């Protein structure tokens, strides 16, 4: 009998925005709360096991899903080293249609403090946010 290979595809059905912004994390979380009508609150930092780097993390918890805001930079390196120009990652787990996600992106880009917000579609980058 031959070997059988089990392939498991990770569920990466979430919306990920990369954001370039020079605000401190707490100020940016406050801006998102007012811009997107969210309730991001600071929680324990996300720790990258390989490097033991800590990244600030905020959570907006509602009855069905959790959304997160991650800092991409720490004194020891980057959460996603391929995207060093990204300051924050907005992880939206909610079931949303593309119109709402585009509206979020547009609202964030309209802020005078944000240089650029873009949707990240690269599967390998999105897989780094599976926890």
C-alpha atoms as a PDB file:
ATOM      1  CA  UNK A   1       0.000   0.000   0.000  1.00  0.00           C
ATOM      2  CA  UNK A   2       1.391   3.393  -1.017  1.00  0.00           C
ATOM      3  CA  UNK A   3       1.604   6.480   1.105  1.00  0.00           C
ATOM      4  CA  UNK A   4      -1.308   8.867   1.110  1.00  0.00           C
ATOM      5  CA  UNK A   5      -0.693  12.554   1.301  1.00  0.00           C
ATOM      6  CA  UNK A   6      -3.157  14.681   3.224  1.00  0.00           C
ATOM      7  CA  UNK A   7      -3.308  18.245   1.945  1.00  0.00           C
ATOM      8  CA  UNK A   8      -4.993  20.763   4.167  1.00  0.00           C
ATOM      9  CA  UNK A   9      -5.721  24.172   2.748  1.00  0.00           C
ATOM     10  CA  UNK A  10      -5.716  26.843   5.471  1.00  0.00           C
ATOM     11  CA  UNK A  11      -8.829  28.987   5.708  1.00  0.00           C
ATOM     12  CA  UNK A  12      -7.619  32.422   4.655  1.00  0.00           C
ATOM     13  CA  UNK A  13     -11.042  33.876   4.101  1.00  0.00           C
ATOM     14  CA  UNK A  14     -10.395  37.241   5.703  1.00  0.00           C
ATOM     15  CA  UNK A  15      -9.683  40.780   4.581  1.00  0.00           C
ATOM     16  CA  UNK A  16      -6.190  42.171   5.176  1.00  0.00           C
ATOM     17  CA  UNK A  17      -5.266  45.813   4.697  1.00  0.00           C
ATOM     18  CA  UNK A  18      -1.681  47.048   4.730  1.00  0.00           C
ATOM     19  CA  UNK A  19      -1.411  50.630   5.967  1.00  0.00           C
ATOM     20  CA  UNK A  20       1.445  53.119   5.721  1.00  0.00           C
ATOM     21  CA  UNK A  21       1.010  55.734   8.432  1.00  0.00           C
ATOM     22  CA  UNK A  22       3.345  57.636  10.748  1.00  0.00           C
ATOM     23  CA  UNK A  23       1.020  57.766  13.779  1.00  0.00           C
ATOM     24  CA  UNK A  24       1.817  55.868  16.964  1.00  0.00           C
ATOM     25  CA  UNK A  25      -0.206  52.686  17.377  1.00  0.00           C
ATOM     26  CA  UNK A  26      -2.589  54.031  20.043  1.00  0.00           C
ATOM     27  CA  UNK A  27      -3.334  57.150  17.991  1.00  0.00           C
ATOM     28  CA  UNK A  28      -3.913  55.104  14.867  1.00  0.00           C
ATOM     29  CA  UNK A  29      -6.259  52.722  16.727  1.00  0.00           C
ATOM     30  CA  UNK A  30      -8.188  55.772  17.958  1.00  0.00           C
ATOM     31  CA  UNK A  31      -8.370  57.097  14.377  1.00  0.00           C
ATOM     32  CA  UNK A  32      -9.739  53.754  13.131  1.00  0.00           C
ATOM     33  CA  UNK A  33     -12.310  53.680  15.917  1.00  0.00           C
ATOM     34  CA  UNK A  34     -13.674  57.021  14.778  1.00  0.00           C
ATOM     35  CA  UNK A  35     -13.273  56.455  11.042  1.00  0.00           C
ATOM     36  CA  UNK A  36     -14.696  52.922  10.822  1.00  0.00           C
ATOM     37  CA  UNK A  37     -16.966  52.995  13.879  1.00  0.00           C
ATOM     38  CA  UNK A  38     -14.920  50.263  15.564  1.00  0.00           C
ATOM     39  CA  UNK A  39     -13.926  49.641  19.181  1.00  0.00           C
ATOM     40  CA  UNK A  40     -10.277  48.614  18.999  1.00  0.00           C
ATOM     41  CA  UNK A  41      -8.740  48.052  22.428  1.00  0.00           C
ATOM     42  CA  UNK A  42      -5.120  47.225  23.183  1.00  0.00           C
ATOM     43  CA  UNK A  43      -4.492  43.603  24.133  1.00  0.00           C
ATOM     44  CA  UNK A  44      -1.372  41.543  24.832  1.00  0.00           C
ATOM     45  CA  UNK A  45       1.272  41.958  22.138  1.00  0.00           C
ATOM     46  CA  UNK A  46       1.663  39.414  19.380  1.00  0.00           C
ATOM     47  CA  UNK A  47       4.969  37.583  19.869  1.00  0.00           C
ATOM     48  CA  UNK A  48       6.784  36.159  16.874  1.00  0.00           C
ATOM     49  CA  UNK A  49       8.184  32.838  18.069  1.00  0.00           C
ATOM     50  CA  UNK A  50      11.285  32.790  15.829  1.00  0.00           C
ATOM     51  CA  UNK A  51      12.703  36.113  16.928  1.00  0.00           C
ATOM     52  CA  UNK A  52      10.768  36.703  20.181  1.00  0.00           C
ATOM     53  CA  UNK A  53       9.801  40.100  18.738  1.00  0.00           C
ATOM     54  CA  UNK A  54       6.720  41.764  20.196  1.00  0.00           C
ATOM     55  CA  UNK A  55       4.223  43.628  18.016  1.00  0.00           C
ATOM     56  CA  UNK A  56       1.467  45.792  19.431  1.00  0.00           C
ATOM     57  CA  UNK A  57      -2.001  44.396  18.858  1.00  0.00           C
ATOM     58  CA  UNK A  58      -5.505  45.826  19.162  1.00  0.00           C
ATOM     59  CA  UNK A  59      -8.774  43.903  19.057  1.00  0.00           C
ATOM     60  CA  UNK A  60     -12.310  44.852  18.105  1.00  0.00           C
ATOM     61  CA  UNK A  61     -14.508  42.101  19.471  1.00  0.00           C
ATOM     62  CA  UNK A  62     -18.134  41.720  18.471  1.00  0.00           C
ATOM     63  CA  UNK A  63     -20.611  38.902  18.963  1.00  0.00           C
ATOM     64  CA  UNK A  64     -19.428  36.749  16.051  1.00  0.00           C
ATOM     65  CA  UNK A  65     -15.897  37.735  14.994  1.00  0.00           C
ATOM     66  CA  UNK A  66     -12.717  39.429  16.150  1.00  0.00           C
ATOM     67  CA  UNK A  67     -10.894  42.054  14.116  1.00  0.00           C
ATOM     68  CA  UNK A  68      -7.293  42.973  14.826  1.00  0.00           C
ATOM     69  CA  UNK A  69      -4.857  45.784  14.215  1.00  0.00           C
ATOM     70  CA  UNK A  70      -1.201  44.713  14.248  1.00  0.00           C
ATOM     71  CA  UNK A  71       1.899  46.846  14.208  1.00  0.00           C
ATOM     72  CA  UNK A  72       4.285  45.633  11.512  1.00  0.00           C
ATOM     73  CA  UNK A  73       7.402  47.005  13.226  1.00  0.00           C
ATOM     74  CA  UNK A  74       9.181  46.291  16.471  1.00  0.00           C
ATOM     75  CA  UNK A  75      12.687  47.156  17.699  1.00  0.00           C
ATOM     76  CA  UNK A  76      13.785  43.630  16.668  1.00  0.00           C
ATOM     77  CA  UNK A  77      12.349  43.521  13.155  1.00  0.00           C
ATOM     78  CA  UNK A  78       9.176  43.207  11.117  1.00  0.00           C
ATOM     79  CA  UNK A  79       6.097  41.042  11.421  1.00  0.00           C
ATOM     80  CA  UNK A  80       6.004  40.702   7.609  1.00  0.00           C
ATOM     81  CA  UNK A  81       9.558  41.322   6.466  1.00  0.00           C
ATOM     82  CA  UNK A  82       8.578  41.308   2.763  1.00  0.00           C
ATOM     83  CA  UNK A  83       6.533  44.469   3.379  1.00  0.00           C
ATOM     84  CA  UNK A  84       8.834  46.783   5.338  1.00  0.00           C
ATOM     85  CA  UNK A  85       6.975  49.878   4.150  1.00  0.00           C
ATOM     86  CA  UNK A  86       3.775  48.754   5.926  1.00  0.00           C
ATOM     87  CA  UNK A  87       3.336  50.211   9.401  1.00  0.00           C
ATOM     88  CA  UNK A  88       0.078  48.455  10.336  1.00  0.00           C
ATOM     89  CA  UNK A  89      -1.983  45.451   9.285  1.00  0.00           C
ATOM     90  CA  UNK A  90      -5.754  45.582   9.644  1.00  0.00           C
ATOM     91  CA  UNK A  91      -7.127  42.039   9.897  1.00  0.00           C
ATOM     92  CA  UNK A  92     -10.907  41.911   9.368  1.00  0.00           C
ATOM     93  CA  UNK A  93     -12.404  38.522  10.064  1.00  0.00           C
ATOM     94  CA  UNK A  94     -16.002  39.591   9.511  1.00  0.00           C
ATOM     95  CA  UNK A  95     -18.053  38.243   6.650  1.00  0.00           C
ATOM     96  CA  UNK A  96     -18.154  41.322   4.439  1.00  0.00           C
ATOM     97  CA  UNK A  97     -18.867  41.870   0.825  1.00  0.00           C
ATOM     98  CA  UNK A  98     -16.250  43.533  -1.325  1.00  0.00           C
ATOM     99  CA  UNK A  99     -18.151  46.836  -1.353  1.00  0.00           C
ATOM    100  CA  UNK A 100     -17.785  47.283   2.406  1.00  0.00           C
ATOM    101  CA  UNK A 101     -14.107  46.380   2.392  1.00  0.00           C
ATOM    102  CA  UNK A 102     -13.458  48.842  -0.432  1.00  0.00           C
ATOM    103  CA  UNK A 103     -15.356  51.476   1.577  1.00  0.00           C
ATOM    104  CA  UNK A 104     -13.125  50.791   4.620  1.00  0.00           C
ATOM    105  CA  UNK A 105     -10.060  51.159   2.425  1.00  0.00           C
ATOM    106  CA  UNK A 106     -11.380  54.392   0.951  1.00  0.00           C
ATOM    107  CA  UNK A 107     -12.209  55.870   4.381  1.00  0.00           C
ATOM    108  CA  UNK A 108      -8.767  55.033   5.735  1.00  0.00           C
ATOM    109  CA  UNK A 109      -7.066  56.503   2.658  1.00  0.00           C
ATOM    110  CA  UNK A 110      -9.046  59.735   3.120  1.00  0.00           C
ATOM    111  CA  UNK A 111      -7.356  60.410   6.458  1.00  0.00           C
ATOM    112  CA  UNK A 112      -4.653  63.053   6.268  1.00  0.00           C
ATOM    113  CA  UNK A 113      -2.477  60.874   8.544  1.00  0.00           C
ATOM    114  CA  UNK A 114      -2.479  57.860   6.233  1.00  0.00           C
ATOM    115  CA  UNK A 115      -0.117  57.775   3.289  1.00  0.00           C
ATOM    116  CA  UNK A 116      -1.525  54.580   1.758  1.00  0.00           C
ATOM    117  CA  UNK A 117      -3.920  51.751   2.583  1.00  0.00           C
ATOM    118  CA  UNK A 118      -4.120  48.768   0.256  1.00  0.00           C
ATOM    119  CA  UNK A 119      -5.698  45.330   0.229  1.00  0.00           C
ATOM    120  CA  UNK A 120      -3.165  42.533   0.604  1.00  0.00           C
ATOM    121  CA  UNK A 121      -4.082  39.573  -1.580  1.00  0.00           C
ATOM    122  CA  UNK A 122      -0.804  37.629  -1.449  1.00  0.00           C
ATOM    123  CA  UNK A 123      -1.706  34.243   0.056  1.00  0.00           C
ATOM    124  CA  UNK A 124       1.724  33.666   1.613  1.00  0.00           C
ATOM    125  CA  UNK A 125       1.508  36.950   3.505  1.00  0.00           C
ATOM    126  CA  UNK A 126      -2.064  36.276   4.605  1.00  0.00           C
ATOM    127  CA  UNK A 127      -1.053  32.848   5.929  1.00  0.00           C
ATOM    128  CA  UNK A 128       1.246  34.584   8.437  1.00  0.00           C
ATOM    129  CA  UNK A 129      -1.883  35.918  10.170  1.00  0.00           C
ATOM    130  CA  UNK A 130      -3.370  32.501  10.914  1.00  0.00           C
ATOM    131  CA  UNK A 131      -3.269  31.965  14.657  1.00  0.00           C
END
